[in-house]
Structures are given as structure tokens and as C-alpha cells.
Amino acid sequence: MLMLARIAACLAAMAALGAASATAQQPPIKIVVPYPPGSGPDILSRLMSEQIGRDGGPTIVIENRPGGGTLIGTETVARAEPDGSTVLLVANSFVINPALKKGNYDVAASFDPVCYLAATPMVLVVQGDAPYKTLNDLVAAARAKPGSIVLSSGGPASSLHVAIEVLKRATSIDTTYVPYPGSGPAVNALMGGHVTAVWADYPTVVSQIKSGTLRGLVTTSAKRVAPLPDVPTLAESGIANYEADIFYGIVAPAKTPPEMLGKLSGWFSTALKASDLQPKLDKQGLFPVGQCGSPFGVFLRKMFDDYKQIIAASNIKAE
């Protein structure tokens, strides 16, 4: 029995050594983030990188390549060697840009889907002491004084801008739109009284909503967000039937070998399930999804089609 136990222990050690050797032979994986450091996509990428490392996966290197409305980083990865060593962190702009204008990449043909990592809501917020208690209050004020309500978002031609245009089109209200470089600057303008309302990503406004400095009027999520039980969805409001979250995912250059795509999906999906990652995602207002492979590809194509239709109907132009 003692000899059998020693043999079993030896075999287990050899298996562990083999697994460690295989990981050691795996070259570093580079995630190109087409957003600046400190942004939501950048933070998520670094959280995933750290978790994959803790799980014994390969070294993950983050490379920020902002600019051109995410086109610079996106096109860089589209041209990269399809060996799985370079992947791209994508969000809504990934499917919006090709819907706005002819670019140098195609959502389906230029990339292979890896994993839909996480989502976060889009929230329309006003100052906490504003007279608008509901979305209907804001719409009524816009109708009473056409042009007096100033709406803002990070943009233009972003998913947040699209939400504003959907609202305007559904209600036929006359408002002024002021874009800012991101949700942070737009919220600062709101706090300073320069704009009436901002459609922002939830992580940017979560602390202000909790403190009462800002009030959430509506989200574009499919159902009410657990941390915001009193904030209805746009569909619930009866004003517009529009559902969309800000999504974050990973794609690889087209023609990446299936076995490498499988490895990538495994590393990212395993990291998302780690118990110690969940509190970190919660803190950032991110909700894990973990949809990998072809289902994520179907999701991306549907998002592209939906945005293309909305952009055409709302006459949104590329800047």
C-alpha cells in the first residue's frame, strides 16, 4: 500500500510539473486596450490579467492604444499575427464604428470572438436636488420649453449618445446635445450646472448615486439593475423599447487557430468564475457574463445590426 501511495504521489507530481511546464512555454498574451489608462475597459483588463496569473495561466500584458475613437488599437489587432498572442478588449464602439462609416475592419470577418467578459448599465442621471423625479418629468419639461433641456454624454457617436438619440426620437422632444470626451467630464459639467442631464456608464456615477448627489432616472438595461432597484428601465417607462448595456469582451484576429481560441476562452472564463474577482468587479460596477466562443460572435453581429438600424433612423453622423 505504501509503495502504491508513493507511485500515485509521483504521478501527481509529474502531472503538475507537466502542466506548469506547458504554462511556462506559453508566451505572454497581449491585450490591446483601445482606451486610456484608468478607464473602465483598462481596469477590467488589468483585473483579468491579475486573476489569470493567480490561476496559473500565462502572463498577460496590457497595452493601451487609445485614439481615433478606438480605431487605432482595433486596426492594430486586426493586422496582428493570428496566433493568439495578441487580442483586443472591445466595447460598444467596436460595433458602432463600422455602423457609422466604412472602416478598415469588419466585426465578423476581421476578428474571431473569444469571450463576452462583463457588462455595465447606462444610466440617465440628473443632480440630486433637480426637480425631475422621473424620466417623464424631464420629458415634460423639454416639451414645455423646447431647447431648454441640455443632454450630455461621452461621445459623440458613442453608445451613450445613441441612447440620447433614441429618447429624443421616441418622445419627439427638442433638446440640445453637448458631447464631452468621456462620462467623467460630462458628469463634472452636470455637477457644475452646465447641462441638465447626462447619460453615463454606471461605474462613473455609482458613488454619486449612492450618496444622493446624483439621481438616476432610467437605465437602458433589459431589467432593473440590482443596485438600483428604484430606477426603471427605458422599456418600463413606456417611452421607448430600447435595451442595451455597455459590454466588454475579448476578440482575436481572424483565422486564429481554434485550439488557441479554446485556450483563450478557458483562461478568461475561469478567471471570471474566481470567487476573489467578484468583489473587485462589484466595486467597479461590472457584472460578469462569461459568454464565450460562437455565442459571443452572434451577440456582436446582432449588436452591429441593431446599432446600424438605430444610427440610420436617428441620423447620427460620425464626427
C-alpha atoms as a PDB file:
ATOM      1  CA  MET A   1       0.000   0.000   0.000  1.00  0.00           C
ATOM      2  CA  LEU A   2       2.853   2.365   0.878  1.00  0.00           C
ATOM      3  CA  MET A   3       4.508   1.687  -2.488  1.00  0.00           C
ATOM      4  CA  LEU A   4       1.211   2.384  -4.333  1.00  0.00           C
ATOM      5  CA  ALA A   5       0.801   5.646  -2.434  1.00  0.00           C
ATOM      6  CA  ARG A   6       4.311   6.725  -3.396  1.00  0.00           C
ATOM      7  CA  ILE A   7       3.680   5.854  -7.052  1.00  0.00           C
ATOM      8  CA  ALA A   8       0.419   7.847  -7.023  1.00  0.00           C
ATOM      9  CA  ALA A   9       2.154  10.815  -5.432  1.00  0.00           C
ATOM     10  CA  CYS A  10       4.931  10.628  -8.006  1.00  0.00           C
ATOM     11  CA  LEU A  11       2.467  10.528 -10.886  1.00  0.00           C
ATOM     12  CA  ALA A  12       0.583  13.502  -9.462  1.00  0.00           C
ATOM     13  CA  ALA A  13       3.804  15.477  -9.109  1.00  0.00           C
ATOM     14  CA  MET A  14       4.775  14.654 -12.680  1.00  0.00           C
ATOM     15  CA  ALA A  15       1.356  15.793 -13.943  1.00  0.00           C
ATOM     16  CA  ALA A  16       1.629  19.059 -12.028  1.00  0.00           C
ATOM     17  CA  LEU A  17       5.131  19.585 -13.369  1.00  0.00           C
ATOM     18  CA  GLY A  18       3.904  18.935 -16.894  1.00  0.00           C
ATOM     19  CA  ALA A  19       1.087  21.452 -16.511  1.00  0.00           C
ATOM     20  CA  ALA A  20       3.460  24.050 -15.094  1.00  0.00           C
ATOM     21  CA  SER A  21       5.894  23.412 -17.936  1.00  0.00           C
ATOM     22  CA  ALA A  22       3.131  23.844 -20.513  1.00  0.00           C
ATOM     23  CA  THR A  23       2.157  27.178 -18.964  1.00  0.00           C
ATOM     24  CA  ALA A  24       5.784  28.269 -18.836  1.00  0.00           C
ATOM     25  CA  GLN A  25       6.152  27.505 -22.539  1.00  0.00           C
ATOM     26  CA  GLN A  26       3.107  29.646 -23.368  1.00  0.00           C
ATOM     27  CA  PRO A  27       4.377  33.063 -24.474  1.00  0.00           C
ATOM     28  CA  PRO A  28       2.820  36.189 -22.930  1.00  0.00           C
ATOM     29  CA  ILE A  29      -0.599  37.238 -24.192  1.00  0.00           C
ATOM     30  CA  LYS A  30      -1.005  40.919 -25.038  1.00  0.00           C
ATOM     31  CA  ILE A  31      -4.383  42.613 -24.558  1.00  0.00           C
ATOM     32  CA  VAL A  32      -4.592  45.769 -26.630  1.00  0.00           C
ATOM     33  CA  VAL A  33      -6.944  48.215 -24.894  1.00  0.00           C
ATOM     34  CA  PRO A  34      -8.046  50.994 -27.288  1.00  0.00           C
ATOM     35  CA  TYR A  35      -8.849  53.239 -24.314  1.00  0.00           C
ATOM     36  CA  PRO A  36      -6.634  55.308 -21.991  1.00  0.00           C
ATOM     37  CA  PRO A  37      -5.195  54.007 -18.708  1.00  0.00           C
ATOM     38  CA  GLY A  38      -7.611  54.257 -15.796  1.00  0.00           C
ATOM     39  CA  SER A  39     -10.705  53.851 -17.965  1.00  0.00           C
ATOM     40  CA  GLY A  40     -13.315  51.150 -17.283  1.00  0.00           C
ATOM     41  CA  PRO A  41     -12.033  48.853 -20.065  1.00  0.00           C
ATOM     42  CA  ASP A  42      -8.460  49.315 -18.840  1.00  0.00           C
ATOM     43  CA  ILE A  43      -9.390  48.481 -15.242  1.00  0.00           C
ATOM     44  CA  LEU A  44     -11.269  45.343 -16.314  1.00  0.00           C
ATOM     45  CA  SER A  45      -8.344  44.199 -18.465  1.00  0.00           C
ATOM     46  CA  ARG A  46      -5.933  44.542 -15.555  1.00  0.00           C
ATOM     47  CA  LEU A  47      -8.259  42.720 -13.165  1.00  0.00           C
ATOM     48  CA  MET A  48      -8.494  39.845 -15.662  1.00  0.00           C
ATOM     49  CA  SER A  49      -4.723  39.847 -16.182  1.00  0.00           C
ATOM     50  CA  GLU A  50      -4.054  39.578 -12.457  1.00  0.00           C
ATOM     51  CA  GLN A  51      -6.625  36.824 -11.969  1.00  0.00           C
ATOM     52  CA  ILE A  52      -5.364  34.725 -14.870  1.00  0.00           C
ATOM     53  CA  GLY A  53      -1.894  34.973 -13.346  1.00  0.00           C
ATOM     54  CA  ARG A  54      -3.202  33.829  -9.957  1.00  0.00           C
ATOM     55  CA  ASP A  55      -4.935  30.917 -11.681  1.00  0.00           C
ATOM     56  CA  GLY A  56      -1.597  29.733 -13.087  1.00  0.00           C
ATOM     57  CA  GLY A  57      -2.281  30.931 -16.620  1.00  0.00           C
ATOM     58  CA  PRO A  58       0.093  32.755 -18.955  1.00  0.00           C
ATOM     59  CA  THR A  59       1.483  36.223 -18.365  1.00  0.00           C
ATOM     60  CA  ILE A  60      -0.927  38.876 -19.640  1.00  0.00           C
ATOM     61  CA  VAL A  61       0.487  42.197 -20.814  1.00  0.00           C
ATOM     62  CA  ILE A  62      -1.798  45.251 -21.176  1.00  0.00           C
ATOM     63  CA  GLU A  63      -1.037  47.710 -23.976  1.00  0.00           C
ATOM     64  CA  ASN A  64      -3.116  50.895 -24.114  1.00  0.00           C
ATOM     65  CA  ARG A  65      -3.607  52.144 -27.690  1.00  0.00           C
ATOM     66  CA  PRO A  66      -6.250  54.903 -27.466  1.00  0.00           C
ATOM     67  CA  GLY A  67      -7.080  57.279 -30.291  1.00  0.00           C
ATOM     68  CA  GLY A  68      -9.243  57.580 -33.355  1.00  0.00           C
ATOM     69  CA  GLY A  69     -12.384  56.667 -31.428  1.00  0.00           C
ATOM     70  CA  THR A  70     -10.789  53.255 -30.625  1.00  0.00           C
ATOM     71  CA  LEU A  71      -9.888  52.696 -34.302  1.00  0.00           C
ATOM     72  CA  ILE A  72      -6.120  52.867 -33.762  1.00  0.00           C
ATOM     73  CA  GLY A  73      -5.983  49.966 -31.314  1.00  0.00           C
ATOM     74  CA  THR A  74      -8.685  47.999 -33.114  1.00  0.00           C
ATOM     75  CA  GLU A  75      -6.997  48.162 -36.504  1.00  0.00           C
ATOM     76  CA  THR A  76      -3.649  47.291 -34.907  1.00  0.00           C
ATOM     77  CA  VAL A  77      -5.064  43.989 -33.656  1.00  0.00           C
ATOM     78  CA  ALA A  78      -6.884  43.329 -36.933  1.00  0.00           C
ATOM     79  CA  ARG A  79      -3.468  43.357 -38.633  1.00  0.00           C
ATOM     80  CA  ALA A  80      -1.701  41.321 -35.922  1.00  0.00           C
ATOM     81  CA  GLU A  81      -0.461  37.786 -36.447  1.00  0.00           C
ATOM     82  CA  PRO A  82      -3.416  35.438 -35.794  1.00  0.00           C
ATOM     83  CA  ASP A  83      -1.539  33.187 -33.397  1.00  0.00           C
ATOM     84  CA  GLY A  84      -3.417  34.099 -30.216  1.00  0.00           C
ATOM     85  CA  SER A  85      -0.591  36.193 -28.782  1.00  0.00           C
ATOM     86  CA  THR A  86      -2.466  39.480 -29.349  1.00  0.00           C
ATOM     87  CA  VAL A  87      -6.122  40.077 -28.504  1.00  0.00           C
ATOM     88  CA  LEU A  88      -8.371  43.133 -28.296  1.00  0.00           C
ATOM     89  CA  LEU A  89     -10.573  44.427 -25.494  1.00  0.00           C
ATOM     90  CA  VAL A  90     -13.807  45.573 -27.150  1.00  0.00           C
ATOM     91  CA  ALA A  91     -16.813  47.586 -26.045  1.00  0.00           C
ATOM     92  CA  ASN A  92     -19.800  49.124 -27.834  1.00  0.00           C
ATOM     93  CA  SER A  93     -17.661  51.339 -30.066  1.00  0.00           C
ATOM     94  CA  PHE A  94     -16.371  48.137 -31.669  1.00  0.00           C
ATOM     95  CA  VAL A  95     -19.773  47.578 -33.292  1.00  0.00           C
ATOM     96  CA  ILE A  96     -20.759  51.240 -33.581  1.00  0.00           C
ATOM     97  CA  ASN A  97     -17.801  52.437 -35.661  1.00  0.00           C
ATOM     98  CA  PRO A  98     -18.439  50.114 -38.634  1.00  0.00           C
ATOM     99  CA  ALA A  99     -22.140  51.008 -38.449  1.00  0.00           C
ATOM    100  CA  LEU A 100     -21.313  54.721 -38.712  1.00  0.00           C
ATOM    101  CA  LYS A 101     -18.866  54.634 -41.579  1.00  0.00           C
ATOM    102  CA  LYS A 102     -16.820  52.323 -43.715  1.00  0.00           C
ATOM    103  CA  GLY A 103     -13.705  51.473 -41.790  1.00  0.00           C
ATOM    104  CA  ASN A 104     -10.754  49.191 -42.092  1.00  0.00           C
ATOM    105  CA  TYR A 105     -12.298  46.290 -40.206  1.00  0.00           C
ATOM    106  CA  ASP A 106     -15.421  44.163 -40.214  1.00  0.00           C
ATOM    107  CA  VAL A 107     -16.942  42.980 -36.921  1.00  0.00           C
ATOM    108  CA  ALA A 108     -17.353  39.377 -38.119  1.00  0.00           C
ATOM    109  CA  ALA A 109     -14.755  38.981 -40.873  1.00  0.00           C
ATOM    110  CA  SER A 110     -11.779  40.707 -39.233  1.00  0.00           C
ATOM    111  CA  PHE A 111     -11.994  39.106 -35.785  1.00  0.00           C
ATOM    112  CA  ASP A 112     -12.780  35.849 -34.004  1.00  0.00           C
ATOM    113  CA  PRO A 113     -14.861  36.060 -30.798  1.00  0.00           C
ATOM    114  CA  VAL A 114     -13.228  34.916 -27.576  1.00  0.00           C
ATOM    115  CA  CYS A 115     -15.352  35.939 -24.576  1.00  0.00           C
ATOM    116  CA  TYR A 116     -18.007  38.429 -23.508  1.00  0.00           C
ATOM    117  CA  LEU A 117     -16.491  39.292 -20.144  1.00  0.00           C
ATOM    118  CA  ALA A 118     -18.775  41.752 -18.385  1.00  0.00           C
ATOM    119  CA  ALA A 119     -21.498  44.342 -18.798  1.00  0.00           C
ATOM    120  CA  THR A 120     -22.439  47.558 -17.049  1.00  0.00           C
ATOM    121  CA  PRO A 121     -25.621  49.639 -17.272  1.00  0.00           C
ATOM    122  CA  MET A 122     -26.103  53.033 -18.879  1.00  0.00           C
ATOM    123  CA  VAL A 123     -27.924  55.425 -16.539  1.00  0.00           C
ATOM    124  CA  LEU A 124     -29.554  58.786 -17.238  1.00  0.00           C
ATOM    125  CA  VAL A 125     -28.721  60.994 -14.249  1.00  0.00           C
ATOM    126  CA  VAL A 126     -29.625  64.473 -13.033  1.00  0.00           C
ATOM    127  CA  GLN A 127     -28.482  66.418  -9.975  1.00  0.00           C
ATOM    128  CA  GLY A 128     -29.824  65.043  -6.713  1.00  0.00           C
ATOM    129  CA  ASP A 129     -31.758  68.244  -5.997  1.00  0.00           C
ATOM    130  CA  ALA A 130     -33.126  68.642  -9.538  1.00  0.00           C
ATOM    131  CA  PRO A 131     -36.910  68.962  -9.906  1.00  0.00           C
ATOM    132  CA  TYR A 132     -37.009  65.915 -12.183  1.00  0.00           C
ATOM    133  CA  LYS A 133     -38.006  62.887 -10.127  1.00  0.00           C
ATOM    134  CA  THR A 134     -38.764  60.669 -13.126  1.00  0.00           C
ATOM    135  CA  LEU A 135     -37.952  60.478 -16.803  1.00  0.00           C
ATOM    136  CA  ASN A 136     -41.479  61.684 -17.572  1.00  0.00           C
ATOM    137  CA  ASP A 137     -40.763  64.843 -15.568  1.00  0.00           C
ATOM    138  CA  LEU A 138     -37.720  65.544 -17.728  1.00  0.00           C
ATOM    139  CA  VAL A 139     -39.640  64.888 -20.938  1.00  0.00           C
ATOM    140  CA  ALA A 140     -42.486  67.136 -19.805  1.00  0.00           C
ATOM    141  CA  ALA A 141     -40.034  69.962 -19.082  1.00  0.00           C
ATOM    142  CA  ALA A 142     -38.478  69.554 -22.520  1.00  0.00           C
ATOM    143  CA  ARG A 143     -41.893  69.760 -24.166  1.00  0.00           C
ATOM    144  CA  ALA A 144     -42.899  72.814 -22.110  1.00  0.00           C
ATOM    145  CA  LYS A 145     -39.757  74.745 -23.137  1.00  0.00           C
ATOM    146  CA  PRO A 146     -38.285  73.362 -26.371  1.00  0.00           C
ATOM    147  CA  GLY A 147     -34.496  73.649 -26.468  1.00  0.00           C
ATOM    148  CA  SER A 148     -34.160  74.395 -22.751  1.00  0.00           C
ATOM    149  CA  ILE A 149     -33.049  70.896 -21.692  1.00  0.00           C
ATOM    150  CA  VAL A 150     -29.374  70.174 -22.326  1.00  0.00           C
ATOM    151  CA  LEU A 151     -28.453  66.488 -22.558  1.00  0.00           C
ATOM    152  CA  SER A 152     -24.871  65.265 -22.494  1.00  0.00           C
ATOM    153  CA  SER A 153     -22.741  62.137 -22.675  1.00  0.00           C
ATOM    154  CA  GLY A 154     -19.309  60.908 -23.527  1.00  0.00           C
ATOM    155  CA  GLY A 155     -19.202  60.962 -27.290  1.00  0.00           C
ATOM    156  CA  PRO A 156     -20.385  61.896 -29.788  1.00  0.00           C
ATOM    157  CA  ALA A 157     -21.412  58.778 -31.724  1.00  0.00           C
ATOM    158  CA  SER A 158     -20.987  56.598 -28.626  1.00  0.00           C
ATOM    159  CA  SER A 159     -23.427  54.082 -27.172  1.00  0.00           C
ATOM    160  CA  LEU A 160     -24.381  56.750 -24.611  1.00  0.00           C
ATOM    161  CA  HIS A 161     -25.086  59.263 -27.388  1.00  0.00           C
ATOM    162  CA  VAL A 162     -27.188  56.648 -29.176  1.00  0.00           C
ATOM    163  CA  ALA A 163     -29.313  56.284 -26.011  1.00  0.00           C
ATOM    164  CA  ILE A 164     -29.975  60.030 -26.020  1.00  0.00           C
ATOM    165  CA  GLU A 165     -30.973  59.987 -29.677  1.00  0.00           C
ATOM    166  CA  VAL A 166     -33.316  57.042 -29.048  1.00  0.00           C
ATOM    167  CA  LEU A 167     -35.008  59.041 -26.277  1.00  0.00           C
ATOM    168  CA  LYS A 168     -35.317  62.164 -28.413  1.00  0.00           C
ATOM    169  CA  ARG A 169     -36.718  60.222 -31.351  1.00  0.00           C
ATOM    170  CA  ALA A 170     -39.229  58.300 -29.215  1.00  0.00           C
ATOM    171  CA  THR A 171     -40.548  61.431 -27.484  1.00  0.00           C
ATOM    172  CA  SER A 172     -40.085  63.998 -30.280  1.00  0.00           C
ATOM    173  CA  ILE A 173     -38.571  66.423 -27.772  1.00  0.00           C
ATOM    174  CA  ASP A 174     -36.394  69.365 -28.794  1.00  0.00           C
ATOM    175  CA  THR A 175     -33.222  69.306 -26.688  1.00  0.00           C
ATOM    176  CA  THR A 176     -29.621  70.440 -27.012  1.00  0.00           C
ATOM    177  CA  TYR A 177     -26.876  67.816 -27.084  1.00  0.00           C
ATOM    178  CA  VAL A 178     -23.392  68.610 -25.725  1.00  0.00           C
ATOM    179  CA  PRO A 179     -20.766  65.848 -26.060  1.00  0.00           C
ATOM    180  CA  TYR A 180     -17.737  65.505 -23.798  1.00  0.00           C
ATOM    181  CA  PRO A 181     -14.567  63.383 -24.115  1.00  0.00           C
ATOM    182  CA  GLY A 182     -15.963  60.888 -21.600  1.00  0.00           C
ATOM    183  CA  SER A 183     -18.568  60.282 -18.919  1.00  0.00           C
ATOM    184  CA  GLY A 184     -16.349  61.830 -16.229  1.00  0.00           C
ATOM    185  CA  PRO A 185     -16.129  65.278 -17.873  1.00  0.00           C
ATOM    186  CA  ALA A 186     -19.857  65.139 -18.738  1.00  0.00           C
ATOM    187  CA  VAL A 187     -20.748  64.428 -15.095  1.00  0.00           C
ATOM    188  CA  ASN A 188     -18.487  67.285 -13.976  1.00  0.00           C
ATOM    189  CA  ALA A 189     -20.441  69.571 -16.320  1.00  0.00           C
ATOM    190  CA  LEU A 190     -23.687  68.300 -14.778  1.00  0.00           C
ATOM    191  CA  MET A 191     -22.434  68.966 -11.254  1.00  0.00           C
ATOM    192  CA  GLY A 192     -21.446  72.464 -12.351  1.00  0.00           C
ATOM    193  CA  GLY A 193     -24.918  73.145 -13.709  1.00  0.00           C
ATOM    194  CA  HIS A 194     -23.767  73.431 -17.318  1.00  0.00           C
ATOM    195  CA  VAL A 195     -26.029  70.616 -18.569  1.00  0.00           C
ATOM    196  CA  THR A 196     -29.382  69.248 -17.394  1.00  0.00           C
ATOM    197  CA  ALA A 197     -28.839  65.500 -17.583  1.00  0.00           C
ATOM    198  CA  VAL A 198     -26.125  63.037 -18.543  1.00  0.00           C
ATOM    199  CA  TRP A 199     -26.397  59.525 -19.915  1.00  0.00           C
ATOM    200  CA  ALA A 200     -23.411  57.865 -18.263  1.00  0.00           C
ATOM    201  CA  ASP A 201     -21.914  54.459 -17.685  1.00  0.00           C
ATOM    202  CA  TYR A 202     -22.843  53.163 -14.234  1.00  0.00           C
ATOM    203  CA  PRO A 203     -19.267  52.845 -12.846  1.00  0.00           C
ATOM    204  CA  THR A 204     -18.718  56.579 -13.367  1.00  0.00           C
ATOM    205  CA  VAL A 205     -21.772  57.612 -11.331  1.00  0.00           C
ATOM    206  CA  VAL A 206     -22.249  54.763  -8.840  1.00  0.00           C
ATOM    207  CA  SER A 207     -20.759  56.642  -5.863  1.00  0.00           C
ATOM    208  CA  GLN A 208     -22.687  59.860  -6.591  1.00  0.00           C
ATOM    209  CA  ILE A 209     -25.970  57.957  -6.924  1.00  0.00           C
ATOM    210  CA  LYS A 210     -25.357  56.151  -3.631  1.00  0.00           C
ATOM    211  CA  SER A 211     -24.576  59.436  -1.876  1.00  0.00           C
ATOM    212  CA  GLY A 212     -27.614  61.190  -3.343  1.00  0.00           C
ATOM    213  CA  THR A 213     -25.519  63.756  -5.201  1.00  0.00           C
ATOM    214  CA  LEU A 214     -26.991  62.411  -8.430  1.00  0.00           C
ATOM    215  CA  ARG A 215     -30.376  60.835  -9.122  1.00  0.00           C
ATOM    216  CA  GLY A 216     -30.862  58.034 -11.614  1.00  0.00           C
ATOM    217  CA  LEU A 217     -33.963  58.430 -13.774  1.00  0.00           C
ATOM    218  CA  VAL A 218     -33.768  55.412 -16.084  1.00  0.00           C
ATOM    219  CA  THR A 219     -31.425  52.740 -17.430  1.00  0.00           C
ATOM    220  CA  THR A 220     -31.263  51.043 -20.817  1.00  0.00           C
ATOM    221  CA  SER A 221     -30.811  47.585 -19.300  1.00  0.00           C
ATOM    222  CA  ALA A 222     -33.170  44.726 -20.126  1.00  0.00           C
ATOM    223  CA  LYS A 223     -34.281  44.569 -16.480  1.00  0.00           C
ATOM    224  CA  ARG A 224     -33.795  46.638 -13.353  1.00  0.00           C
ATOM    225  CA  VAL A 225     -30.263  46.689 -12.012  1.00  0.00           C
ATOM    226  CA  ALA A 226     -29.950  45.108  -8.559  1.00  0.00           C
ATOM    227  CA  PRO A 227     -28.015  48.051  -7.008  1.00  0.00           C
ATOM    228  CA  LEU A 228     -30.624  50.460  -8.478  1.00  0.00           C
ATOM    229  CA  PRO A 229     -33.961  48.810  -7.613  1.00  0.00           C
ATOM    230  CA  ASP A 230     -35.893  52.091  -7.789  1.00  0.00           C
ATOM    231  CA  VAL A 231     -34.594  53.111 -11.210  1.00  0.00           C
ATOM    232  CA  PRO A 232     -36.846  51.788 -14.015  1.00  0.00           C
ATOM    233  CA  THR A 233     -35.658  50.649 -17.423  1.00  0.00           C
ATOM    234  CA  LEU A 234     -36.353  52.656 -20.549  1.00  0.00           C
ATOM    235  CA  ALA A 235     -38.712  49.912 -21.699  1.00  0.00           C
ATOM    236  CA  GLU A 236     -40.587  50.041 -18.370  1.00  0.00           C
ATOM    237  CA  SER A 237     -41.060  53.776 -18.753  1.00  0.00           C
ATOM    238  CA  GLY A 238     -43.222  53.143 -21.801  1.00  0.00           C
ATOM    239  CA  ILE A 239     -41.319  55.812 -23.699  1.00  0.00           C
ATOM    240  CA  ALA A 240     -39.011  53.702 -25.830  1.00  0.00           C
ATOM    241  CA  ASN A 241     -38.410  49.990 -26.354  1.00  0.00           C
ATOM    242  CA  TYR A 242     -34.634  50.047 -26.283  1.00  0.00           C
ATOM    243  CA  GLU A 243     -32.346  47.678 -24.401  1.00  0.00           C
ATOM    244  CA  ALA A 244     -28.562  47.898 -24.328  1.00  0.00           C
ATOM    245  CA  ASP A 245     -25.746  47.721 -21.802  1.00  0.00           C
ATOM    246  CA  ILE A 246     -22.144  48.707 -22.199  1.00  0.00           C
ATOM    247  CA  PHE A 247     -20.406  45.414 -22.889  1.00  0.00           C
ATOM    248  CA  TYR A 248     -16.754  44.435 -22.547  1.00  0.00           C
ATOM    249  CA  GLY A 249     -15.284  41.449 -24.345  1.00  0.00           C
ATOM    250  CA  ILE A 250     -12.198  39.935 -25.940  1.00  0.00           C
ATOM    251  CA  VAL A 251     -11.697  39.197 -29.634  1.00  0.00           C
ATOM    252  CA  ALA A 252      -8.709  37.856 -31.555  1.00  0.00           C
ATOM    253  CA  PRO A 253      -7.522  38.469 -35.133  1.00  0.00           C
ATOM    254  CA  ALA A 254      -9.442  36.449 -37.714  1.00  0.00           C
ATOM    255  CA  LYS A 255      -8.087  32.988 -38.504  1.00  0.00           C
ATOM    256  CA  THR A 256      -6.636  32.436 -35.043  1.00  0.00           C
ATOM    257  CA  PRO A 257      -6.336  28.615 -34.659  1.00  0.00           C
ATOM    258  CA  PRO A 258      -9.385  27.058 -32.951  1.00  0.00           C
ATOM    259  CA  GLU A 259      -7.218  25.358 -30.322  1.00  0.00           C
ATOM    260  CA  MET A 260      -5.749  28.737 -29.338  1.00  0.00           C
ATOM    261  CA  LEU A 261      -9.196  30.317 -29.211  1.00  0.00           C
ATOM    262  CA  GLY A 262     -10.214  27.481 -26.905  1.00  0.00           C
ATOM    263  CA  LYS A 263      -7.265  28.175 -24.602  1.00  0.00           C
ATOM    264  CA  LEU A 264      -8.031  31.888 -24.512  1.00  0.00           C
ATOM    265  CA  SER A 265     -11.693  31.252 -23.735  1.00  0.00           C
ATOM    266  CA  GLY A 266     -10.694  28.857 -20.968  1.00  0.00           C
ATOM    267  CA  TRP A 267      -8.323  31.306 -19.293  1.00  0.00           C
ATOM    268  CA  PHE A 268     -10.794  34.189 -19.355  1.00  0.00           C
ATOM    269  CA  SER A 269     -13.878  32.174 -18.376  1.00  0.00           C
ATOM    270  CA  THR A 270     -12.030  30.515 -15.478  1.00  0.00           C
ATOM    271  CA  ALA A 271     -10.832  33.902 -14.234  1.00  0.00           C
ATOM    272  CA  LEU A 272     -14.385  35.289 -14.313  1.00  0.00           C
ATOM    273  CA  LYS A 273     -15.570  32.474 -12.044  1.00  0.00           C
ATOM    274  CA  ALA A 274     -12.921  33.121  -9.379  1.00  0.00           C
ATOM    275  CA  SER A 275     -14.551  33.995  -6.055  1.00  0.00           C
ATOM    276  CA  ASP A 276     -11.997  36.663  -5.201  1.00  0.00           C
ATOM    277  CA  LEU A 277     -12.602  38.504  -8.507  1.00  0.00           C
ATOM    278  CA  GLN A 278     -16.324  39.114  -7.903  1.00  0.00           C
ATOM    279  CA  PRO A 279     -15.926  41.775  -5.168  1.00  0.00           C
ATOM    280  CA  LYS A 280     -13.481  43.651  -7.380  1.00  0.00           C
ATOM    281  CA  LEU A 281     -15.936  43.644 -10.286  1.00  0.00           C
ATOM    282  CA  ASP A 282     -18.754  44.751  -7.963  1.00  0.00           C
ATOM    283  CA  LYS A 283     -16.661  47.692  -6.797  1.00  0.00           C
ATOM    284  CA  GLN A 284     -16.276  48.809 -10.411  1.00  0.00           C
ATOM    285  CA  GLY A 285     -19.977  48.376 -11.204  1.00  0.00           C
ATOM    286  CA  LEU A 286     -19.249  45.489 -13.557  1.00  0.00           C
ATOM    287  CA  PHE A 287     -21.442  42.403 -13.911  1.00  0.00           C
ATOM    288  CA  PRO A 288     -19.710  39.223 -15.185  1.00  0.00           C
ATOM    289  CA  VAL A 289     -21.201  37.459 -18.216  1.00  0.00           C
ATOM    290  CA  GLY A 290     -18.758  34.778 -19.394  1.00  0.00           C
ATOM    291  CA  GLN A 291     -20.322  34.066 -22.792  1.00  0.00           C
ATOM    292  CA  CYS A 292     -17.532  32.646 -24.947  1.00  0.00           C
ATOM    293  CA  GLY A 293     -16.969  31.424 -28.494  1.00  0.00           C
ATOM    294  CA  SER A 294     -19.639  31.460 -31.194  1.00  0.00           C
ATOM    295  CA  PRO A 295     -22.487  32.732 -28.926  1.00  0.00           C
ATOM    296  CA  PHE A 296     -20.414  35.867 -28.325  1.00  0.00           C
ATOM    297  CA  GLY A 297     -19.958  36.179 -32.089  1.00  0.00           C
ATOM    298  CA  VAL A 298     -23.733  36.020 -32.565  1.00  0.00           C
ATOM    299  CA  PHE A 299     -24.138  38.721 -29.923  1.00  0.00           C
ATOM    300  CA  LEU A 300     -21.629  41.022 -31.668  1.00  0.00           C
ATOM    301  CA  ARG A 301     -23.335  40.645 -35.038  1.00  0.00           C
ATOM    302  CA  LYS A 302     -26.743  41.394 -33.508  1.00  0.00           C
ATOM    303  CA  MET A 303     -25.365  44.470 -31.745  1.00  0.00           C
ATOM    304  CA  PHE A 304     -23.892  45.700 -35.022  1.00  0.00           C
ATOM    305  CA  ASP A 305     -27.214  45.213 -36.826  1.00  0.00           C
ATOM    306  CA  ASP A 306     -29.163  46.923 -34.027  1.00  0.00           C
ATOM    307  CA  TYR A 307     -26.849  49.921 -33.869  1.00  0.00           C
ATOM    308  CA  LYS A 308     -26.782  50.246 -37.653  1.00  0.00           C
ATOM    309  CA  GLN A 309     -30.577  50.448 -37.701  1.00  0.00           C
ATOM    310  CA  ILE A 310     -30.766  52.952 -34.826  1.00  0.00           C
ATOM    311  CA  ILE A 311     -27.987  55.136 -36.248  1.00  0.00           C
ATOM    312  CA  ALA A 312     -29.691  55.290 -39.634  1.00  0.00           C
ATOM    313  CA  ALA A 313     -33.104  56.041 -38.123  1.00  0.00           C
ATOM    314  CA  SER A 314     -31.692  58.727 -35.812  1.00  0.00           C
ATOM    315  CA  ASN A 315     -29.451  60.230 -38.499  1.00  0.00           C
ATOM    316  CA  ILE A 316     -26.388  60.093 -36.235  1.00  0.00           C
ATOM    317  CA  LYS A 317     -23.270  61.183 -38.071  1.00  0.00           C
ATOM    318  CA  ALA A 318     -19.629  60.291 -37.466  1.00  0.00           C
ATOM    319  CA  GLU A 319     -17.505  63.164 -36.206  1.00  0.00           C
END
